[in-house]
C-alpha atoms as a PDB file:
ATOM      1  CA  MET A   1       0.211   0.024   0.063  1.00  0.00           C
ATOM      2  CA  GLU A   2       1.532   3.339  -1.033  1.00  0.00           C
ATOM      3  CA  PHE A   3       0.696   5.181   2.275  1.00  0.00           C
ATOM      4  CA  SER A   4       1.653   2.074   4.630  1.00  0.00           C
ATOM      5  CA  ALA A   5       4.613   3.978   6.354  1.00  0.00           C
ATOM      6  CA  ASP A   6       2.307   7.022   6.726  1.00  0.00           C
ATOM      7  CA  LEU A   7      -0.322   5.058   8.748  1.00  0.00           C
ATOM      8  CA  ALA A   8       2.269   2.936  10.691  1.00  0.00           C
ATOM      9  CA  ALA A   9       3.812   6.376  11.711  1.00  0.00           C
ATOM     10  CA  LEU A  10       0.163   7.979  12.539  1.00  0.00           C
ATOM     11  CA  ILE A  11      -0.743   5.306  14.789  1.00  0.00           C
ATOM     12  CA  ARG A  12       2.557   5.183  16.689  1.00  0.00           C
ATOM     13  CA  SER A  13       2.631   8.803  17.287  1.00  0.00           C
ATOM     14  CA  GLN A  14      -0.545   9.316  18.557  1.00  0.00           C
ATOM     15  CA  ARG A  15      -1.907   8.619  22.091  1.00  0.00           C
ATOM     16  CA  ILE A  16      -5.258  10.095  21.687  1.00  0.00           C
ATOM     17  CA  ALA A  17      -8.110   8.708  19.851  1.00  0.00           C
ATOM     18  CA  HIS A  18     -12.132   9.000  19.756  1.00  0.00           C
ATOM     19  CA  LEU A  19     -13.989   5.684  20.420  1.00  0.00           C
ATOM     20  CA  ALA A  20     -17.415   5.355  18.869  1.00  0.00           C
ATOM     21  CA  THR A  21     -19.655   2.995  20.500  1.00  0.00           C
ATOM     22  CA  LEU A  22     -23.551   2.428  20.069  1.00  0.00           C
ATOM     23  CA  ARG A  23     -25.379   3.812  22.779  1.00  0.00           C
ATOM     24  CA  GLN A  24     -29.570   2.237  22.476  1.00  0.00           C
ATOM     25  CA  GLY A  25     -28.807   1.880  18.611  1.00  0.00           C
ATOM     26  CA  ALA A  26     -27.454   5.275  18.342  1.00  0.00           C
ATOM     27  CA  PRO A  27     -23.641   6.144  17.972  1.00  0.00           C
ATOM     28  CA  MET A  28     -21.712   8.155  20.553  1.00  0.00           C
ATOM     29  CA  ALA A  29     -17.889   9.097  20.663  1.00  0.00           C
ATOM     30  CA  SER A  30     -16.000   9.861  23.301  1.00  0.00           C
ATOM     31  CA  MET A  31     -12.136  10.821  23.723  1.00  0.00           C
ATOM     32  CA  THR A  32      -9.680   8.076  24.934  1.00  0.00           C
ATOM     33  CA  LEU A  33      -6.007   7.103  25.314  1.00  0.00           C
ATOM     34  CA  TYR A  34      -5.110   3.877  23.373  1.00  0.00           C
ATOM     35  CA  LEU A  35      -2.153   1.441  23.122  1.00  0.00           C
ATOM     36  CA  PRO A  36      -1.387  -0.034  19.881  1.00  0.00           C
ATOM     37  CA  GLU A  37      -0.255  -4.017  20.222  1.00  0.00           C
ATOM     38  CA  ALA A  38       3.225  -3.936  18.069  1.00  0.00           C
ATOM     39  CA  GLY A  39       1.456  -5.656  15.077  1.00  0.00           C
ATOM     40  CA  PHE A  40      -1.573  -3.565  14.915  1.00  0.00           C
ATOM     41  CA  THR A  41      -3.519  -6.712  15.578  1.00  0.00           C
ATOM     42  CA  ALA A  42      -5.478  -4.927  18.619  1.00  0.00           C
ATOM     43  CA  PHE A  43      -5.698  -1.485  20.556  1.00  0.00           C
ATOM     44  CA  HIS A  44      -5.957  -1.691  23.876  1.00  0.00           C
ATOM     45  CA  VAL A  45      -8.003   1.132  25.930  1.00  0.00           C
ATOM     46  CA  HIS A  46      -8.053   1.127  29.922  1.00  0.00           C
ATOM     47  CA  VAL A  47     -11.331   2.398  30.942  1.00  0.00           C
ATOM     48  CA  SER A  48     -13.955   2.864  34.093  1.00  0.00           C
ATOM     49  CA  ARG A  49     -16.950   0.526  33.976  1.00  0.00           C
ATOM     50  CA  LEU A  50     -18.702   3.787  35.202  1.00  0.00           C
ATOM     51  CA  ALA A  51     -18.289   5.469  31.945  1.00  0.00           C
ATOM     52  CA  LEU A  52     -20.801   5.128  29.229  1.00  0.00           C
ATOM     53  CA  HIS A  53     -18.494   3.880  26.327  1.00  0.00           C
ATOM     54  CA  THR A  54     -17.753   0.992  28.489  1.00  0.00           C
ATOM     55  CA  GLN A  55     -21.154   0.392  29.290  1.00  0.00           C
ATOM     56  CA  ASP A  56     -21.985   0.497  25.637  1.00  0.00           C
ATOM     57  CA  MET A  57     -19.126  -2.060  24.851  1.00  0.00           C
ATOM     58  CA  ALA A  58     -20.377  -4.383  27.554  1.00  0.00           C
ATOM     59  CA  GLN A  59     -23.775  -4.407  25.603  1.00  0.00           C
ATOM     60  CA  ASP A  60     -22.558  -4.302  21.711  1.00  0.00           C
ATOM     61  CA  PRO A  61     -19.059  -4.709  21.106  1.00  0.00           C
ATOM     62  CA  ARG A  62     -19.061  -3.113  17.578  1.00  0.00           C
ATOM     63  CA  VAL A  63     -16.832  -0.085  18.089  1.00  0.00           C
ATOM     64  CA  ALA A  64     -14.958   2.108  15.916  1.00  0.00           C
ATOM     65  CA  LEU A  65     -11.828   4.045  16.944  1.00  0.00           C
ATOM     66  CA  SER A  66     -10.607   7.262  15.093  1.00  0.00           C
ATOM     67  CA  ILE A  67      -6.713   8.376  15.305  1.00  0.00           C
ATOM     68  CA  ALA A  68      -5.846  11.379  13.823  1.00  0.00           C
ATOM     69  CA  GLU A  69      -3.147  13.927  13.681  1.00  0.00           C
ATOM     70  CA  THR A  70      -3.021  16.885  16.016  1.00  0.00           C
ATOM     71  CA  ASP A  71      -4.332  19.951  14.491  1.00  0.00           C
ATOM     72  CA  ASP A  72      -1.335  22.177  13.518  1.00  0.00           C
ATOM     73  CA  ARG A  73      -3.063  25.050  12.307  1.00  0.00           C
ATOM     74  CA  ARG A  74      -2.580  24.447   8.874  1.00  0.00           C
ATOM     75  CA  PRO A  75      -4.310  26.147   5.956  1.00  0.00           C
ATOM     76  CA  ASP A  76      -6.128  22.929   4.728  1.00  0.00           C
ATOM     77  CA  PRO A  77      -7.255  21.201   7.997  1.00  0.00           C
ATOM     78  CA  PHE A  78      -8.477  18.284   5.380  1.00  0.00           C
ATOM     79  CA  THR A  79      -4.626  17.278   4.497  1.00  0.00           C
ATOM     80  CA  LEU A  80      -4.518  15.915   8.666  1.00  0.00           C
ATOM     81  CA  LYS A  81      -3.797  12.264   8.033  1.00  0.00           C
ATOM     82  CA  ARG A  82      -6.742  10.200   9.980  1.00  0.00           C
ATOM     83  CA  ILE A  83      -7.907   6.580  10.064  1.00  0.00           C
ATOM     84  CA  SER A  84     -10.947   4.816  11.758  1.00  0.00           C
ATOM     85  CA  ILE A  85     -10.551   1.261  12.509  1.00  0.00           C
ATOM     86  CA  ARG A  86     -13.613  -0.600  13.042  1.00  0.00           C
ATOM     87  CA  GLY A  87     -13.705  -3.485  15.411  1.00  0.00           C
ATOM     88  CA  ASN A  88     -15.270  -5.434  18.254  1.00  0.00           C
ATOM     89  CA  ALA A  89     -14.081  -4.772  21.883  1.00  0.00           C
ATOM     90  CA  GLU A  90     -13.563  -7.607  24.498  1.00  0.00           C
ATOM     91  CA  ASN A  91     -13.351  -7.033  27.979  1.00  0.00           C
ATOM     92  CA  LEU A  92      -9.763  -8.517  29.313  1.00  0.00           C
ATOM     93  CA  ALA A  93     -10.556  -9.897  32.680  1.00  0.00           C
ATOM     94  CA  GLY A  94      -7.849 -10.212  35.630  1.00  0.00           C
ATOM     95  CA  GLU A  95      -4.181  -9.241  36.025  1.00  0.00           C
ATOM     96  CA  GLN A  96      -2.862  -7.909  33.134  1.00  0.00           C
ATOM     97  CA  ALA A  97       0.896  -7.066  34.343  1.00  0.00           C
ATOM     98  CA  ASP A  98       2.839  -6.956  31.273  1.00  0.00           C
ATOM     99  CA  LEU A  99      -0.407  -4.586  29.328  1.00  0.00           C
ATOM    100  CA  LYS A 100      -0.400  -2.495  32.691  1.00  0.00           C
ATOM    101  CA  ARG A 101       3.657  -2.377  32.493  1.00  0.00           C
ATOM    102  CA  GLN A 102       3.305  -1.008  28.698  1.00  0.00           C
ATOM    103  CA  TRP A 103       0.187   1.289  29.321  1.00  0.00           C
ATOM    104  CA  LEU A 104       2.184   3.042  32.210  1.00  0.00           C
ATOM    105  CA  ALA A 105       5.742   3.609  30.212  1.00  0.00           C
ATOM    106  CA  ARG A 106       3.109   5.187  27.481  1.00  0.00           C
ATOM    107  CA  PHE A 107       0.936   7.267  30.278  1.00  0.00           C
ATOM    108  CA  PRO A 108       2.833   7.812  33.535  1.00  0.00           C
ATOM    109  CA  GLU A 109       0.270   9.960  34.855  1.00  0.00           C
ATOM    110  CA  GLN A 110      -2.516   7.528  34.911  1.00  0.00           C
ATOM    111  CA  ALA A 111      -1.054   5.339  37.598  1.00  0.00           C
ATOM    112  CA  ILE A 112      -3.808   6.118  39.924  1.00  0.00           C
ATOM    113  CA  ASN A 113      -6.564   4.502  37.570  1.00  0.00           C
ATOM    114  CA  PHE A 114      -5.115   1.022  38.605  1.00  0.00           C
ATOM    115  CA  GLU A 115      -5.809   1.721  42.159  1.00  0.00           C
ATOM    116  CA  LEU A 116      -9.594   1.872  41.178  1.00  0.00           C
ATOM    117  CA  ALA A 117     -11.552  -0.975  41.171  1.00  0.00           C
ATOM    118  CA  ASP A 118     -13.723   0.289  38.410  1.00  0.00           C
ATOM    119  CA  PHE A 119     -10.961   0.573  35.724  1.00  0.00           C
ATOM    120  CA  SER A 120     -10.173  -2.566  33.141  1.00  0.00           C
ATOM    121  CA  PHE A 121      -8.658  -2.891  30.040  1.00  0.00           C
ATOM    122  CA  TRP A 122     -10.498  -3.932  27.206  1.00  0.00           C
ATOM    123  CA  ARG A 123      -9.049  -5.087  23.839  1.00  0.00           C
ATOM    124  CA  ILE A 124     -10.389  -3.687  20.521  1.00  0.00           C
ATOM    125  CA  VAL A 125      -9.693  -6.127  17.706  1.00  0.00           C
ATOM    126  CA  PRO A 126      -9.858  -4.593  14.242  1.00  0.00           C
ATOM    127  CA  ARG A 127     -12.242  -6.003  11.500  1.00  0.00           C
ATOM    128  CA  ASP A 128     -11.210  -3.441   8.792  1.00  0.00           C
ATOM    129  CA  ALA A 129     -10.262   0.579   8.430  1.00  0.00           C
ATOM    130  CA  ARG A 130      -9.952   3.642   6.169  1.00  0.00           C
ATOM    131  CA  PHE A 131      -7.335   5.372   6.239  1.00  0.00           C
ATOM    132  CA  VAL A 132      -7.125   8.980   4.934  1.00  0.00           C
ATOM    133  CA  ALA A 133      -3.498  10.390   4.263  1.00  0.00           C
ATOM    134  CA  GLY A 134      -4.736  13.748   3.208  1.00  0.00           C
ATOM    135  CA  PHE A 135      -7.396  15.137   0.375  1.00  0.00           C
ATOM    136  CA  GLY A 136      -8.260  12.336  -1.919  1.00  0.00           C
ATOM    137  CA  ARG A 137      -5.304   9.977  -0.545  1.00  0.00           C
ATOM    138  CA  ILE A 138      -7.843   7.399   0.859  1.00  0.00           C
ATOM    139  CA  GLN A 139      -7.320   3.666   1.487  1.00  0.00           C
ATOM    140  CA  ASN A 140      -9.684   1.041   2.309  1.00  0.00           C
ATOM    141  CA  LEU A 141      -7.857  -1.917   4.673  1.00  0.00           C
ATOM    142  CA  SER A 142      -8.390  -5.391   5.748  1.00  0.00           C
ATOM    143  CA  ALA A 143      -7.214  -6.406   9.267  1.00  0.00           C
ATOM    144  CA  ALA A 144      -4.825  -8.174   7.582  1.00  0.00           C
ATOM    145  CA  GLU A 145      -3.400  -5.365   5.478  1.00  0.00           C
ATOM    146  CA  LEU A 146      -3.588  -2.811   9.032  1.00  0.00           C
ATOM    147  CA  ALA A 147      -1.398  -5.564  10.526  1.00  0.00           C
ATOM    148  CA  ALA A 148       0.859  -5.542   7.400  1.00  0.00           C
ATOM    149  CA  CYS A 149       1.505  -1.607   7.837  1.00  0.00           C
ATOM    150  CA  SER A 150       2.893  -2.136  11.330  1.00  0.00           C
ATOM    151  CA  LYS A 151       5.913  -3.691   9.756  1.00  0.00           C
ATOM    152  CA  LEU A 152       6.818  -0.364   8.394  1.00  0.00           C
ATOM    153  CA  LYS A 153       8.476   2.677   9.865  1.00  0.00           C
ATOM    154  CA  GLY A 154       7.289   5.925   9.502  1.00  0.00           C
ATOM    155  CA  PRO A 155       8.921   8.758   7.605  1.00  0.00           C
END
């Protein structure tokens, strides 16, 4: 794929995504932190069961994760790179020591959440994705094609 390295760089460089869930049959999006697996075969979120998006995932695992370049105030914001990943979310029960270590390396200020009983990890397994590398530069990807991009380094 022509834009694979750009896609890999985007996923690795950003830390914030918008998580879209279904709430009583209607879409709802909220900001979340995310941690991609090295092979882009899953994306992890650490969320409270009190949050609406967590309650939604427990009811309907179909979600979308939207990751975008940070707005740098360029004249045409449509040239910002972004990806929407559709997939299914699953709650990871029990101790996730390695995942917790990775999470805290990426988000050290989130350590307090591990002291709260209502937080847990969820894994989002991609079904497909749509990557926009700028105006008119669009690529639809299967989960396997998304995973293949993880082998490339960004520019």
